[in-house]
Amino acid sequence: MNRREFLGCLTCAGVAGMAGCATQPRAGEDGRPMSAAKTAVRPEDFSYCGIDCKTCDVFKATVHGDAKALQRAHQRWTKTAQQHWGMSTLDPAILKCTGCRTEGENIFKGCRHCPIRRCAKDKRLASCGLCPEWKDCKRLSGLLADEPQARRHLEQVAASATTP
C-alpha cells in the first residue's frame, strides 16, 4: 500500500486505516504482498502530539465551513482548553485552524499557545513520538488520556523512526 492509499484509508476509515487498512494487500516491486509494517508513517502526517488534524472538528469547520463541526469542536475542546492550555473559556470565534503546523492567523489559538507544540518546536522535533521521553511526558499525559488515537499515532511515528 502506498502513502496515498494509506492516508486515504486513514481519513475514510479511521481505525481500519490505522490497522493497515481493510483492503487486500498490494504487490510490491518484487511481486510479493507488501506488509503494513513496511508502510512508513511520517511525523508530518499528524500534529506534534499525534492528533490527526484532518479529522479535527476545528480543522473541518475552518477548511470546509462545517457549522456542525464547529459546534462539536466547541463542546469537545472546551475541557482541553481549560485543562491543558490555561484558558478559562473557549470563544467559538477563535476556533479556526488549518493544522497545528501552520503559522500565522490560520492556527487555532489553543494550538498556537499549546505547550506540547512549543516543546516539540523548541526541541526541533517533527513529532513528540520522536522524543525519547514522550511516553512519560507530563505535557502529553492528559491529552493522551483524552485522545487515545493520538497515542497510537505517536507509537506509529516512534516505530517508523526505529524501523530501517
Protein backbone atom coordinates (compact mmCIF):
# COMPACT_ATOMS: atom_id res chain seq x y z
CA MET A 1 0.00 0.00 0.00
CA ASN A 2 1.49 3.34 -0.95
CA ARG A 3 1.34 6.51 1.18
CA ARG A 4 -1.62 7.98 -0.71
CA GLU A 5 -3.68 4.81 -0.26
CA PHE A 6 -2.73 4.64 3.42
CA LEU A 7 -3.75 8.25 4.05
CA GLY A 8 -6.99 7.69 2.14
CA CYS A 9 -7.78 4.73 4.36
CA LEU A 10 -6.80 6.71 7.44
CA THR A 11 -9.06 9.59 6.54
CA CYS A 12 -12.02 7.46 5.49
CA ALA A 13 -11.79 4.51 7.79
CA GLY A 14 -10.04 5.81 10.92
CA VAL A 15 -9.29 2.75 12.99
CA ALA A 16 -9.27 0.44 9.99
CA GLY A 17 -6.67 2.70 8.39
CA MET A 18 -4.51 2.51 11.48
CA ALA A 19 -4.70 -1.30 11.39
CA GLY A 20 -3.22 -1.36 7.90
CA CYS A 21 -6.49 -0.70 6.08
CA ALA A 22 -9.19 -3.19 5.31
CA THR A 23 -8.12 -3.68 1.72
CA GLN A 24 -6.32 -6.55 0.08
CA PRO A 25 -2.52 -6.23 0.28
CA ARG A 26 -0.94 -4.90 -2.88
CA ALA A 27 2.07 -6.41 -4.51
CA GLY A 28 5.43 -4.68 -4.18
CA GLU A 29 8.02 -4.31 -6.90
CA ASP A 30 9.15 -7.90 -6.33
CA GLY A 31 5.58 -9.22 -6.74
CA ARG A 32 5.20 -10.23 -3.09
CA PRO A 33 2.48 -8.66 -0.95
CA MET A 34 3.61 -5.55 0.91
CA SER A 35 3.03 -5.69 4.65
CA ALA A 36 1.52 -2.83 6.65
CA ALA A 37 4.76 -2.78 8.66
CA LYS A 38 6.62 -1.55 5.59
CA THR A 39 4.31 1.45 5.29
CA ALA A 40 6.19 4.28 6.94
CA VAL A 41 4.27 6.82 8.96
CA ARG A 42 5.66 10.30 8.58
CA PRO A 43 5.61 12.55 11.65
CA GLU A 44 4.14 15.32 9.49
CA ASP A 45 1.02 13.21 8.89
CA PHE A 46 -0.16 14.25 12.38
CA SER A 47 0.13 17.15 14.78
CA TYR A 48 3.15 17.24 17.07
CA CYS A 49 1.11 15.50 19.80
CA GLY A 50 -0.30 12.84 17.48
CA ILE A 51 -3.74 14.24 16.76
CA ASP A 52 -4.76 13.88 13.12
CA CYS A 53 -5.59 17.50 12.27
CA LYS A 54 -7.62 16.42 9.22
CA THR A 55 -10.12 14.69 11.49
CA CYS A 56 -10.31 17.57 13.99
CA ASP A 57 -13.62 19.43 14.06
CA VAL A 58 -11.81 22.79 14.32
CA PHE A 59 -9.96 21.97 11.10
CA LYS A 60 -13.18 20.77 9.41
CA ALA A 61 -15.06 23.90 10.47
CA THR A 62 -12.31 26.15 9.09
CA VAL A 63 -11.47 24.34 5.88
CA HIS A 64 -14.95 23.10 4.95
CA GLY A 65 -17.14 25.71 6.68
CA ASP A 66 -18.89 22.93 8.61
CA ALA A 67 -21.18 24.58 11.23
CA LYS A 68 -21.97 21.29 12.99
CA ALA A 69 -18.25 20.57 13.26
CA LEU A 70 -17.83 23.99 14.87
CA GLN A 71 -20.45 23.15 17.50
CA ARG A 72 -18.83 19.77 18.18
CA ALA A 73 -15.41 21.42 18.37
CA HIS A 74 -16.58 23.95 20.93
CA GLN A 75 -18.08 21.25 23.13
CA ARG A 76 -15.12 18.94 22.80
CA TRP A 77 -12.22 21.40 23.09
CA THR A 78 -13.56 23.49 25.99
CA LYS A 79 -12.31 20.95 28.55
CA THR A 80 -8.94 20.61 26.84
CA ALA A 81 -8.57 24.39 26.57
CA GLN A 82 -9.25 24.81 30.27
CA GLN A 83 -7.13 21.89 31.50
CA HIS A 84 -4.19 21.93 29.11
CA TRP A 85 -4.00 25.40 27.56
CA GLY A 86 -4.83 27.55 30.59
CA MET A 87 -7.89 29.17 29.00
CA SER A 88 -10.80 29.91 31.34
CA THR A 89 -13.34 29.97 28.49
CA LEU A 90 -13.27 28.98 24.87
CA ASP A 91 -14.73 31.53 22.48
CA PRO A 92 -16.14 29.74 19.40
CA ALA A 93 -14.87 32.66 17.27
CA ILE A 94 -11.29 31.53 17.83
CA LEU A 95 -11.98 28.01 16.60
CA LYS A 96 -10.20 28.46 13.29
CA CYS A 97 -7.27 26.31 12.22
CA THR A 98 -5.65 24.75 9.19
CA GLY A 99 -3.41 22.48 11.27
CA CYS A 100 -1.03 23.00 14.17
CA ARG A 101 1.98 23.05 11.87
CA THR A 102 0.56 26.21 10.29
CA GLU A 103 1.94 29.58 11.30
CA GLY A 104 0.17 32.93 11.26
CA GLU A 105 -3.52 33.71 11.53
CA ASN A 106 -4.92 30.34 10.45
CA ILE A 107 -3.90 28.45 13.52
CA PHE A 108 -6.22 27.82 16.44
CA LYS A 109 -5.23 29.91 19.48
CA GLY A 110 -5.11 26.77 21.62
CA CYS A 111 -2.64 25.23 19.20
CA ARG A 112 -0.64 28.45 18.88
CA HIS A 113 -0.11 28.56 22.65
CA CYS A 114 -0.02 24.81 23.21
CA PRO A 115 2.90 23.82 25.48
CA ILE A 116 3.19 20.48 23.68
CA ARG A 117 3.61 22.16 20.29
CA ARG A 118 6.04 24.70 21.75
CA CYS A 119 8.15 21.94 23.35
CA ALA A 120 8.37 19.92 20.12
CA LYS A 121 9.30 23.04 18.14
CA ASP A 122 11.89 24.09 20.74
CA LYS A 123 13.45 20.61 20.54
CA ARG A 124 13.21 20.79 16.72
CA LEU A 125 11.22 17.56 16.60
CA ALA A 126 8.72 16.84 13.85
CA SER A 127 6.68 14.85 16.38
CA CYS A 128 6.56 14.12 20.09
CA GLY A 129 6.84 10.47 19.04
CA LEU A 130 10.47 11.20 18.14
CA CYS A 131 11.28 12.36 21.67
CA PRO A 132 12.81 9.61 23.82
CA GLU A 133 10.73 10.75 26.83
CA TRP A 134 7.31 11.06 25.17
CA LYS A 135 5.71 8.11 26.97
CA ASP A 136 6.42 9.70 30.38
CA CYS A 137 5.83 13.32 29.34
CA LYS A 138 3.66 15.27 31.76
CA ARG A 139 2.66 17.70 28.99
CA LEU A 140 1.26 14.85 26.91
CA SER A 141 -0.28 12.72 29.66
CA GLY A 142 -3.65 14.50 29.96
CA LEU A 143 -4.10 14.92 26.23
CA LEU A 144 -3.24 11.28 25.53
CA ALA A 145 -5.68 10.17 28.21
CA ASP A 146 -8.41 12.15 26.40
CA GLU A 147 -7.21 11.23 22.88
CA PRO A 148 -6.16 7.53 22.74
CA GLN A 149 -5.86 7.69 18.94
CA ALA A 150 -3.13 10.32 19.34
CA ARG A 151 -1.15 7.83 21.46
CA ARG A 152 -1.45 5.23 18.69
CA HIS A 153 -0.23 7.77 16.15
CA LEU A 154 2.79 8.66 18.30
CA GLU A 155 3.57 4.96 18.72
CA GLN A 156 3.48 4.57 14.94
CA VAL A 157 5.76 7.57 14.45
CA ALA A 158 8.20 6.22 17.04
CA ALA A 159 8.13 2.76 15.42
CA SER A 160 8.66 4.21 11.94
CA ALA A 161 11.68 6.15 13.21
CA THR A 162 13.31 2.96 14.52
CA THR A 163 12.37 0.79 11.51
CA PRO A 164 15.06 0.75 8.77
